[in-house]
C-alpha atoms as a PDB file:
ATOM      1  CA  UNK A   1     152.278 -96.439-204.489  1.00  0.00           C
ATOM      2  CA  UNK A   2     152.945 -98.565-201.553  1.00  0.00           C
ATOM      3  CA  UNK A   3     155.003 -96.854-198.935  1.00  0.00           C
ATOM      4  CA  UNK A   4     156.814 -97.598-195.719  1.00  0.00           C
ATOM      5  CA  UNK A   5     155.303 -95.908-192.628  1.00  0.00           C
ATOM      6  CA  UNK A   6     156.928 -95.340-189.261  1.00  0.00           C
ATOM      7  CA  UNK A   7     154.277 -94.314-186.699  1.00  0.00           C
ATOM      8  CA  UNK A   8     154.915 -93.379-183.098  1.00  0.00           C
ATOM      9  CA  UNK A   9     152.644 -93.591-180.281  1.00  0.00           C
ATOM     10  CA  UNK A  10     150.285 -96.510-181.424  1.00  0.00           C
ATOM     11  CA  UNK A  11     149.130 -98.092-178.205  1.00  0.00           C
ATOM     12  CA  UNK A  12     145.932 -96.039-178.158  1.00  0.00           C
ATOM     13  CA  UNK A  13     143.766 -93.361-179.892  1.00  0.00           C
ATOM     14  CA  UNK A  14     144.967 -91.644-182.958  1.00  0.00           C
ATOM     15  CA  UNK A  15     148.165 -93.710-183.288  1.00  0.00           C
ATOM     16  CA  UNK A  16     146.252 -96.835-183.620  1.00  0.00           C
ATOM     17  CA  UNK A  17     143.926 -95.296-186.237  1.00  0.00           C
ATOM     18  CA  UNK A  18     146.694 -93.995-188.285  1.00  0.00           C
ATOM     19  CA  UNK A  19     148.450 -97.419-188.190  1.00  0.00           C
ATOM     20  CA  UNK A  20     145.409 -99.336-189.005  1.00  0.00           C
ATOM     21  CA  UNK A  21     144.260 -97.069-191.918  1.00  0.00           C
ATOM     22  CA  UNK A  22     147.741 -96.876-193.474  1.00  0.00           C
ATOM     23  CA  UNK A  23     147.921-100.884-193.387  1.00  0.00           C
ATOM     24  CA  UNK A  24     144.435-100.973-194.731  1.00  0.00           C
ATOM     25  CA  UNK A  25     145.525 -98.785-197.709  1.00  0.00           C
ATOM     26  CA  UNK A  26     148.252-101.229-198.536  1.00  0.00           C
ATOM     27  CA  UNK A  27     151.163 -99.603-197.099  1.00  0.00           C
ATOM     28  CA  UNK A  28     153.918-101.369-194.938  1.00  0.00           C
ATOM     29  CA  UNK A  29     153.459 -99.998-191.387  1.00  0.00           C
ATOM     30  CA  UNK A  30     155.806-100.200-188.458  1.00  0.00           C
ATOM     31  CA  UNK A  31     153.753 -99.205-185.452  1.00  0.00           C
ATOM     32  CA  UNK A  32     155.775 -98.311-182.534  1.00  0.00           C
ATOM     33  CA  UNK A  33     155.150 -97.760-178.692  1.00  0.00           C
ATOM     34  CA  UNK A  34     157.191 -97.211-175.544  1.00  0.00           C
ATOM     35  CA  UNK A  35     155.916-100.496-173.955  1.00  0.00           C
ATOM     36  CA  UNK A  36     155.065-103.217-176.435  1.00  0.00           C
ATOM     37  CA  UNK A  37     153.082-104.997-173.689  1.00  0.00           C
ATOM     38  CA  UNK A  38     150.473-102.470-174.148  1.00  0.00           C
ATOM     39  CA  UNK A  39     149.774-103.362-177.729  1.00  0.00           C
ATOM     40  CA  UNK A  40     146.495-105.048-177.074  1.00  0.00           C
ATOM     41  CA  UNK A  41     144.354-102.206-178.479  1.00  0.00           C
ATOM     42  CA  UNK A  42     146.343-101.974-181.599  1.00  0.00           C
ATOM     43  CA  UNK A  43     146.186-105.832-182.123  1.00  0.00           C
ATOM     44  CA  UNK A  44     142.481-105.848-181.641  1.00  0.00           C
ATOM     45  CA  UNK A  45     141.988-102.943-184.067  1.00  0.00           C
ATOM     46  CA  UNK A  46     144.132-104.510-186.714  1.00  0.00           C
ATOM     47  CA  UNK A  47     142.565-107.778-186.447  1.00  0.00           C
ATOM     48  CA  UNK A  48     139.077-106.040-186.838  1.00  0.00           C
ATOM     49  CA  UNK A  49     140.225-104.357-189.961  1.00  0.00           C
ATOM     50  CA  UNK A  50     141.755-107.594-191.232  1.00  0.00           C
ATOM     51  CA  UNK A  51     145.285-105.956-191.519  1.00  0.00           C
ATOM     52  CA  UNK A  52     148.787-106.931-190.524  1.00  0.00           C
ATOM     53  CA  UNK A  53     151.540-104.500-189.315  1.00  0.00           C
ATOM     54  CA  UNK A  54     154.885-104.790-187.416  1.00  0.00           C
ATOM     55  CA  UNK A  55     155.181-103.549-184.000  1.00  0.00           C
ATOM     56  CA  UNK A  56     158.491-102.211-182.670  1.00  0.00           C
ATOM     57  CA  UNK A  57     159.559-100.832-179.315  1.00  0.00           C
ATOM     58  CA  UNK A  58     160.406 -97.030-179.518  1.00  0.00           C
ATOM     59  CA  UNK A  59     160.514 -94.583-176.638  1.00  0.00           C
ATOM     60  CA  UNK A  60     160.543 -91.053-178.023  1.00  0.00           C
ATOM     61  CA  UNK A  61     162.372 -89.995-174.800  1.00  0.00           C
ATOM     62  CA  UNK A  62     165.379 -92.277-175.572  1.00  0.00           C
ATOM     63  CA  UNK A  63     167.705 -91.498-178.412  1.00  0.00           C
ATOM     64  CA  UNK A  64     169.118 -95.111-178.380  1.00  0.00           C
ATOM     65  CA  UNK A  65     165.542 -96.554-178.667  1.00  0.00           C
ATOM     66  CA  UNK A  66     164.817 -94.265-181.542  1.00  0.00           C
ATOM     67  CA  UNK A  67     167.803 -95.130-183.539  1.00  0.00           C
ATOM     68  CA  UNK A  68     167.403 -98.748-182.908  1.00  0.00           C
ATOM     69  CA  UNK A  69     163.815 -98.735-184.272  1.00  0.00           C
ATOM     70  CA  UNK A  70     164.772 -96.629-187.406  1.00  0.00           C
ATOM     71  CA  UNK A  71     167.809 -98.943-188.000  1.00  0.00           C
ATOM     72  CA  UNK A  72     165.634-101.959-187.978  1.00  0.00           C
ATOM     73  CA  UNK A  73     163.070-100.597-190.421  1.00  0.00           C
ATOM     74  CA  UNK A  74     166.065 -99.555-192.734  1.00  0.00           C
ATOM     75  CA  UNK A  75     167.597-102.971-192.478  1.00  0.00           C
ATOM     76  CA  UNK A  76     164.319-104.702-193.335  1.00  0.00           C
ATOM     77  CA  UNK A  77     162.952-102.215-195.869  1.00  0.00           C
ATOM     78  CA  UNK A  78     165.783-100.165-197.097  1.00  0.00           C
ATOM     79  CA  UNK A  79     163.790 -96.870-196.665  1.00  0.00           C
ATOM     80  CA  UNK A  80     161.306 -94.958-194.727  1.00  0.00           C
ATOM     81  CA  UNK A  81     158.842 -92.985-196.816  1.00  0.00           C
ATOM     82  CA  UNK A  82     156.622 -91.423-194.129  1.00  0.00           C
ATOM     83  CA  UNK A  83     157.458 -90.661-190.394  1.00  0.00           C
ATOM     84  CA  UNK A  84     154.357 -89.886-188.350  1.00  0.00           C
ATOM     85  CA  UNK A  85     155.448 -88.185-185.221  1.00  0.00           C
ATOM     86  CA  UNK A  86     152.185 -88.965-183.229  1.00  0.00           C
ATOM     87  CA  UNK A  87     153.358 -89.737-179.667  1.00  0.00           C
ATOM     88  CA  UNK A  88     152.528 -86.986-177.315  1.00  0.00           C
ATOM     89  CA  UNK A  89     150.699 -86.142-174.094  1.00  0.00           C
ATOM     90  CA  UNK A  90     148.493 -83.376-172.780  1.00  0.00           C
ATOM     91  CA  UNK A  91     148.832 -81.193-169.736  1.00  0.00           C
ATOM     92  CA  UNK A  92     146.457 -78.899-167.960  1.00  0.00           C
ATOM     93  CA  UNK A  93     147.988 -76.764-165.204  1.00  0.00           C
ATOM     94  CA  UNK A  94     148.997 -73.094-164.854  1.00  0.00           C
ATOM     95  CA  UNK A  95     152.790 -72.408-165.249  1.00  0.00           C
ATOM     96  CA  UNK A  96     152.883 -71.046-161.774  1.00  0.00           C
ATOM     97  CA  UNK A  97     151.411 -74.419-160.286  1.00  0.00           C
ATOM     98  CA  UNK A  98     153.312 -76.661-162.630  1.00  0.00           C
ATOM     99  CA  UNK A  99     156.043 -78.827-161.176  1.00  0.00           C
ATOM    100  CA  UNK A 100     159.219 -78.415-163.231  1.00  0.00           C
ATOM    101  CA  UNK A 101     159.756 -82.075-163.709  1.00  0.00           C
ATOM    102  CA  UNK A 102     156.211 -82.386-165.358  1.00  0.00           C
ATOM    103  CA  UNK A 103     157.172 -79.258-167.484  1.00  0.00           C
ATOM    104  CA  UNK A 104     160.318 -80.894-168.735  1.00  0.00           C
ATOM    105  CA  UNK A 105     158.493 -84.186-169.331  1.00  0.00           C
ATOM    106  CA  UNK A 106     155.861 -82.505-171.538  1.00  0.00           C
ATOM    107  CA  UNK A 107     158.418 -80.743-173.594  1.00  0.00           C
ATOM    108  CA  UNK A 108     160.561 -83.785-173.852  1.00  0.00           C
ATOM    109  CA  UNK A 109     157.813 -85.995-175.169  1.00  0.00           C
ATOM    110  CA  UNK A 110     155.911 -83.501-177.270  1.00  0.00           C
ATOM    111  CA  UNK A 111     158.877 -81.578-178.855  1.00  0.00           C
ATOM    112  CA  UNK A 112     162.186 -83.284-178.167  1.00  0.00           C
ATOM    113  CA  UNK A 113     160.565 -86.730-179.222  1.00  0.00           C
ATOM    114  CA  UNK A 114     159.693 -85.224-182.566  1.00  0.00           C
ATOM    115  CA  UNK A 115     163.236 -83.918-182.856  1.00  0.00           C
ATOM    116  CA  UNK A 116     164.789 -87.322-181.965  1.00  0.00           C
ATOM    117  CA  UNK A 117     162.648 -89.186-184.461  1.00  0.00           C
ATOM    118  CA  UNK A 118     162.989 -86.637-187.273  1.00  0.00           C
ATOM    119  CA  UNK A 119     166.855 -86.463-186.754  1.00  0.00           C
ATOM    120  CA  UNK A 120     166.921 -90.297-186.997  1.00  0.00           C
ATOM    121  CA  UNK A 121     165.117 -90.514-190.248  1.00  0.00           C
ATOM    122  CA  UNK A 122     166.668 -87.539-191.939  1.00  0.00           C
ATOM    123  CA  UNK A 123     169.915 -89.161-193.436  1.00  0.00           C
ATOM    124  CA  UNK A 124     167.898 -91.896-194.977  1.00  0.00           C
ATOM    125  CA  UNK A 125     165.282 -89.618-196.474  1.00  0.00           C
ATOM    126  CA  UNK A 126     168.068 -87.135-197.682  1.00  0.00           C
ATOM    127  CA  UNK A 127     169.884 -90.027-199.381  1.00  0.00           C
ATOM    128  CA  UNK A 128     166.704 -91.048-201.132  1.00  0.00           C
ATOM    129  CA  UNK A 129     165.863 -87.516-202.073  1.00  0.00           C
ATOM    130  CA  UNK A 130     162.273 -88.222-200.896  1.00  0.00           C
ATOM    131  CA  UNK A 131     160.202 -88.601-197.756  1.00  0.00           C
ATOM    132  CA  UNK A 132     157.453 -87.124-195.722  1.00  0.00           C
ATOM    133  CA  UNK A 133     157.609 -86.121-192.001  1.00  0.00           C
ATOM    134  CA  UNK A 134     154.121 -85.656-190.581  1.00  0.00           C
ATOM    135  CA  UNK A 135     153.878 -84.012-187.133  1.00  0.00           C
ATOM    136  CA  UNK A 136     150.867 -84.324-185.130  1.00  0.00           C
ATOM    137  CA  UNK A 137     150.494 -80.856-183.809  1.00  0.00           C
ATOM    138  CA  UNK A 138     147.228 -79.188-182.473  1.00  0.00           C
ATOM    139  CA  UNK A 139     145.311 -76.004-182.759  1.00  0.00           C
ATOM    140  CA  UNK A 140     147.032 -75.489-179.538  1.00  0.00           C
ATOM    141  CA  UNK A 141     150.222 -75.073-181.734  1.00  0.00           C
ATOM    142  CA  UNK A 142     148.650 -71.997-183.332  1.00  0.00           C
ATOM    143  CA  UNK A 143     146.480 -70.447-180.437  1.00  0.00           C
ATOM    144  CA  UNK A 144     147.369 -70.485-176.814  1.00  0.00           C
ATOM    145  CA  UNK A 145     144.645 -71.638-174.527  1.00  0.00           C
ATOM    146  CA  UNK A 146     143.818 -71.298-170.888  1.00  0.00           C
ATOM    147  CA  UNK A 147     145.630 -73.748-168.529  1.00  0.00           C
ATOM    148  CA  UNK A 148     147.464 -75.232-171.528  1.00  0.00           C
ATOM    149  CA  UNK A 149     150.637 -72.992-171.737  1.00  0.00           C
ATOM    150  CA  UNK A 150     152.912 -75.801-171.240  1.00  0.00           C
ATOM    151  CA  UNK A 151     151.343 -77.936-173.855  1.00  0.00           C
ATOM    152  CA  UNK A 152     150.868 -75.109-176.351  1.00  0.00           C
ATOM    153  CA  UNK A 153     154.398 -74.146-175.787  1.00  0.00           C
ATOM    154  CA  UNK A 154     155.509 -77.496-176.866  1.00  0.00           C
ATOM    155  CA  UNK A 155     153.194 -77.485-179.823  1.00  0.00           C
ATOM    156  CA  UNK A 156     154.108 -74.107-180.878  1.00  0.00           C
ATOM    157  CA  UNK A 157     157.790 -75.417-181.101  1.00  0.00           C
ATOM    158  CA  UNK A 158     156.635 -78.405-183.217  1.00  0.00           C
ATOM    159  CA  UNK A 159     154.909 -75.720-185.615  1.00  0.00           C
ATOM    160  CA  UNK A 160     158.289 -73.780-186.011  1.00  0.00           C
ATOM    161  CA  UNK A 161     160.280 -76.862-186.371  1.00  0.00           C
ATOM    162  CA  UNK A 162     157.951 -77.954-189.203  1.00  0.00           C
ATOM    163  CA  UNK A 163     157.875 -74.651-190.906  1.00  0.00           C
ATOM    164  CA  UNK A 164     161.562 -73.918-190.683  1.00  0.00           C
ATOM    165  CA  UNK A 165     162.626 -77.363-192.181  1.00  0.00           C
ATOM    166  CA  UNK A 166     159.997 -76.975-195.007  1.00  0.00           C
ATOM    167  CA  UNK A 167     161.615 -73.734-195.837  1.00  0.00           C
ATOM    168  CA  UNK A 168     164.927 -75.229-197.237  1.00  0.00           C
ATOM    169  CA  UNK A 169     164.924 -78.921-196.869  1.00  0.00           C
ATOM    170  CA  UNK A 170     161.848 -79.536-199.089  1.00  0.00           C
ATOM    171  CA  UNK A 171     163.222 -77.657-202.147  1.00  0.00           C
ATOM    172  CA  UNK A 172     166.679 -78.892-201.597  1.00  0.00           C
ATOM    173  CA  UNK A 173     166.068 -82.733-200.905  1.00  0.00           C
ATOM    174  CA  UNK A 174     162.446 -83.341-201.876  1.00  0.00           C
ATOM    175  CA  UNK A 175     161.477 -84.231-198.287  1.00  0.00           C
ATOM    176  CA  UNK A 176     158.035 -82.877-197.194  1.00  0.00           C
ATOM    177  CA  UNK A 177     157.096 -81.468-193.595  1.00  0.00           C
ATOM    178  CA  UNK A 178     153.480 -81.113-192.462  1.00  0.00           C
ATOM    179  CA  UNK A 179     152.075 -80.194-189.211  1.00  0.00           C
ATOM    180  CA  UNK A 180     148.455 -81.683-188.716  1.00  0.00           C
ATOM    181  CA  UNK A 181     146.453 -79.578-186.448  1.00  0.00           C
ATOM    182  CA  UNK A 182     143.322 -81.327-184.675  1.00  0.00           C
ATOM    183  CA  UNK A 183     141.005 -79.649-182.362  1.00  0.00           C
ATOM    184  CA  UNK A 184     140.158 -82.042-179.619  1.00  0.00           C
ATOM    185  CA  UNK A 185     140.227 -85.924-179.964  1.00  0.00           C
ATOM    186  CA  UNK A 186     137.887 -87.866-177.730  1.00  0.00           C
ATOM    187  CA  UNK A 187     134.269 -87.572-176.488  1.00  0.00           C
ATOM    188  CA  UNK A 188     135.614 -88.105-173.182  1.00  0.00           C
ATOM    189  CA  UNK A 189     137.771 -84.985-172.944  1.00  0.00           C
ATOM    190  CA  UNK A 190     136.402 -83.522-169.597  1.00  0.00           C
ATOM    191  CA  UNK A 191     137.082 -86.845-167.827  1.00  0.00           C
ATOM    192  CA  UNK A 192     140.455 -87.112-169.333  1.00  0.00           C
ATOM    193  CA  UNK A 193     141.434 -83.722-168.162  1.00  0.00           C
ATOM    194  CA  UNK A 194     140.049 -84.186-164.746  1.00  0.00           C
ATOM    195  CA  UNK A 195     142.005 -87.491-164.470  1.00  0.00           C
ATOM    196  CA  UNK A 196     145.063 -85.827-165.522  1.00  0.00           C
ATOM    197  CA  UNK A 197     144.542 -82.884-162.923  1.00  0.00           C
ATOM    198  CA  UNK A 198     144.005 -85.465-160.321  1.00  0.00           C
ATOM    199  CA  UNK A 199     147.263 -87.430-161.250  1.00  0.00           C
ATOM    200  CA  UNK A 200     149.259 -84.243-161.053  1.00  0.00           C
ATOM    201  CA  UNK A 201     148.187 -83.019-157.606  1.00  0.00           C
ATOM    202  CA  UNK A 202     144.615 -82.385-158.013  1.00  0.00           C
ATOM    203  CA  UNK A 203     142.820 -78.938-157.979  1.00  0.00           C
ATOM    204  CA  UNK A 204     144.821 -76.750-155.688  1.00  0.00           C
ATOM    205  CA  UNK A 205     142.963 -74.355-153.467  1.00  0.00           C
ATOM    206  CA  UNK A 206     144.351 -71.119-154.612  1.00  0.00           C
ATOM    207  CA  UNK A 207     143.337 -68.142-156.717  1.00  0.00           C
ATOM    208  CA  UNK A 208     143.444 -70.326-160.107  1.00  0.00           C
ATOM    209  CA  UNK A 209     140.677 -72.709-158.681  1.00  0.00           C
ATOM    210  CA  UNK A 210     137.662 -70.727-159.928  1.00  0.00           C
ATOM    211  CA  UNK A 211     139.398 -70.041-163.284  1.00  0.00           C
ATOM    212  CA  UNK A 212     140.151 -73.813-163.660  1.00  0.00           C
ATOM    213  CA  UNK A 213     136.620 -74.905-162.688  1.00  0.00           C
ATOM    214  CA  UNK A 214     135.393 -72.385-165.360  1.00  0.00           C
ATOM    215  CA  UNK A 215     137.563 -73.856-167.934  1.00  0.00           C
ATOM    216  CA  UNK A 216     136.578 -77.494-167.119  1.00  0.00           C
ATOM    217  CA  UNK A 217     132.983 -76.495-166.874  1.00  0.00           C
ATOM    218  CA  UNK A 218     132.887 -75.450-170.465  1.00  0.00           C
ATOM    219  CA  UNK A 219     134.246 -78.555-171.842  1.00  0.00           C
ATOM    220  CA  UNK A 220     130.875 -80.313-172.132  1.00  0.00           C
ATOM    221  CA  UNK A 221     129.446 -77.195-174.186  1.00  0.00           C
ATOM    222  CA  UNK A 222     132.470 -77.128-176.339  1.00  0.00           C
ATOM    223  CA  UNK A 223     131.871 -80.781-177.088  1.00  0.00           C
ATOM    224  CA  UNK A 224     128.433 -80.054-178.394  1.00  0.00           C
ATOM    225  CA  UNK A 225     130.052 -77.469-180.640  1.00  0.00           C
ATOM    226  CA  UNK A 226     131.830 -80.089-182.681  1.00  0.00           C
ATOM    227  CA  UNK A 227     135.312 -79.482-181.088  1.00  0.00           C
ATOM    228  CA  UNK A 228     136.020 -83.111-180.574  1.00  0.00           C
ATOM    229  CA  UNK A 229     136.721 -85.728-183.440  1.00  0.00           C
ATOM    230  CA  UNK A 230     137.074 -89.458-183.224  1.00  0.00           C
ATOM    231  CA  UNK A 231     140.562 -90.921-183.929  1.00  0.00           C
ATOM    232  CA  UNK A 232     139.396 -92.200-187.149  1.00  0.00           C
ATOM    233  CA  UNK A 233     138.310 -88.761-188.548  1.00  0.00           C
ATOM    234  CA  UNK A 234     141.671 -87.330-187.801  1.00  0.00           C
ATOM    235  CA  UNK A 235     143.560 -90.273-189.198  1.00  0.00           C
ATOM    236  CA  UNK A 236     141.684 -89.887-192.416  1.00  0.00           C
ATOM    237  CA  UNK A 237     143.053 -86.382-192.685  1.00  0.00           C
ATOM    238  CA  UNK A 238     146.687 -87.757-191.939  1.00  0.00           C
ATOM    239  CA  UNK A 239     146.312 -90.371-194.654  1.00  0.00           C
ATOM    240  CA  UNK A 240     145.008 -87.774-197.236  1.00  0.00           C
ATOM    241  CA  UNK A 241     148.148 -85.593-196.420  1.00  0.00           C
ATOM    242  CA  UNK A 242     150.393 -88.782-196.712  1.00  0.00           C
ATOM    243  CA  UNK A 243     149.030 -89.469-200.195  1.00  0.00           C
ATOM    244  CA  UNK A 244     149.247 -85.935-201.367  1.00  0.00           C
ATOM    245  CA  UNK A 245     152.025 -85.197-204.233  1.00  0.00           C
ATOM    246  CA  UNK A 246     152.156 -81.581-202.888  1.00  0.00           C
ATOM    247  CA  UNK A 247     151.209 -81.845-199.319  1.00  0.00           C
ATOM    248  CA  UNK A 248     150.400 -78.706-197.125  1.00  0.00           C
ATOM    249  CA  UNK A 249     152.765 -77.344-194.584  1.00  0.00           C
ATOM    250  CA  UNK A 250     150.029 -77.307-192.144  1.00  0.00           C
ATOM    251  CA  UNK A 251     146.368 -78.378-192.026  1.00  0.00           C
ATOM    252  CA  UNK A 252     143.517 -78.503-189.641  1.00  0.00           C
ATOM    253  CA  UNK A 253     141.236 -81.529-189.468  1.00  0.00           C
ATOM    254  CA  UNK A 254     137.643 -80.125-188.805  1.00  0.00           C
ATOM    255  CA  UNK A 255     135.500 -77.157-189.841  1.00  0.00           C
ATOM    256  CA  UNK A 256     135.587 -76.261-186.207  1.00  0.00           C
ATOM    257  CA  UNK A 257     139.403 -76.198-186.221  1.00  0.00           C
ATOM    258  CA  UNK A 258     139.349 -74.079-189.253  1.00  0.00           C
ATOM    259  CA  UNK A 259     137.155 -71.441-187.568  1.00  0.00           C
ATOM    260  CA  UNK A 260     138.849 -71.466-184.428  1.00  0.00           C
ATOM    261  CA  UNK A 261     142.220 -70.603-185.895  1.00  0.00           C
ATOM    262  CA  UNK A 262     141.041 -68.450-188.798  1.00  0.00           C
ATOM    263  CA  UNK A 263     142.561 -65.325-187.356  1.00  0.00           C
ATOM    264  CA  UNK A 264     145.913 -66.905-187.388  1.00  0.00           C
ATOM    265  CA  UNK A 265     145.594 -68.923-190.784  1.00  0.00           C
ATOM    266  CA  UNK A 266     143.096 -66.947-192.847  1.00  0.00           C
ATOM    267  CA  UNK A 267     145.601 -65.391-195.342  1.00  0.00           C
ATOM    268  CA  UNK A 268     147.714 -68.724-195.703  1.00  0.00           C
ATOM    269  CA  UNK A 269     145.609 -71.756-194.537  1.00  0.00           C
ATOM    270  CA  UNK A 270     147.982 -74.355-195.853  1.00  0.00           C
ATOM    271  CA  UNK A 271     151.304 -72.487-194.953  1.00  0.00           C
ATOM    272  CA  UNK A 272     152.457 -72.813-198.775  1.00  0.00           C
ATOM    273  CA  UNK A 273     152.402 -69.031-199.283  1.00  0.00           C
ATOM    274  CA  UNK A 274     154.649 -68.603-196.278  1.00  0.00           C
ATOM    275  CA  UNK A 275     156.915 -71.484-197.364  1.00  0.00           C
ATOM    276  CA  UNK A 276     157.229 -69.878-200.876  1.00  0.00           C
ATOM    277  CA  UNK A 277     158.195 -66.669-199.432  1.00  0.00           C
ATOM    278  CA  UNK A 278     160.734 -67.979-197.027  1.00  0.00           C
ATOM    279  CA  UNK A 279     162.399 -69.890-200.002  1.00  0.00           C
ATOM    280  CA  UNK A 280     162.385 -66.846-202.187  1.00  0.00           C
ATOM    281  CA  UNK A 281     163.712 -64.630-199.343  1.00  0.00           C
ATOM    282  CA  UNK A 282     166.385 -66.816-197.854  1.00  0.00           C
ATOM    283  CA  UNK A 283     167.344 -69.599-200.445  1.00  0.00           C
ATOM    284  CA  UNK A 284     167.176 -67.841-203.831  1.00  0.00           C
END
């Protein structure tokens, strides 16, 4: 069935891959980004795939911008079937070293951005008694990792939001919620991390420095272990979830991610047992 997709963060990487794959599958796709002048990568990918999609301005940090984009889609299409909260950013810095403004920005983009977009589509999905909110989370939303405590904290929040909403909105209104949990995306992870550290003040000469060097030094070996996937590989999992009639509450995107999180997810890999238990416990 042809669906109407609204995808955030489509100027690069995973957002581009999701938007293009959704359009290639025959869906109507509204690809959004904070700065539409940075749509070159998206346009090139869409042209290469022979698909067309609509590009809208949407800044997940701006409620007015979010509401305007959602209103535009509703005016044109009458509905939004799938919201994919993809916009986000990483952050590598210990809590003690982190600037408070950086912390607030990471939480605002990675968590509050999801809240703003989800809140904006909910009245329309609830009226339709249908819809699917897919939140691009991370294995960092399940397992805390060195120097990623700010990022992991925001993704843990996304996981809690997803699980909580699935516990009562899904059975009451038929709206599904899924957290997609990739490991790493990008074969250039080490360089990306180093660039980010540089942009946020560089490696500080303190007691954390040898620990950070150890963490960064292991990035290349982790790449050889199969940690990192291409955007297209992760996007295929997202599209599988979007097409499912009974989607999971959470899903990993690779064998490596499954193995890495097994201690947390082994008894309930897709989150459906916990969802059922919550519904029976609180909503019976």
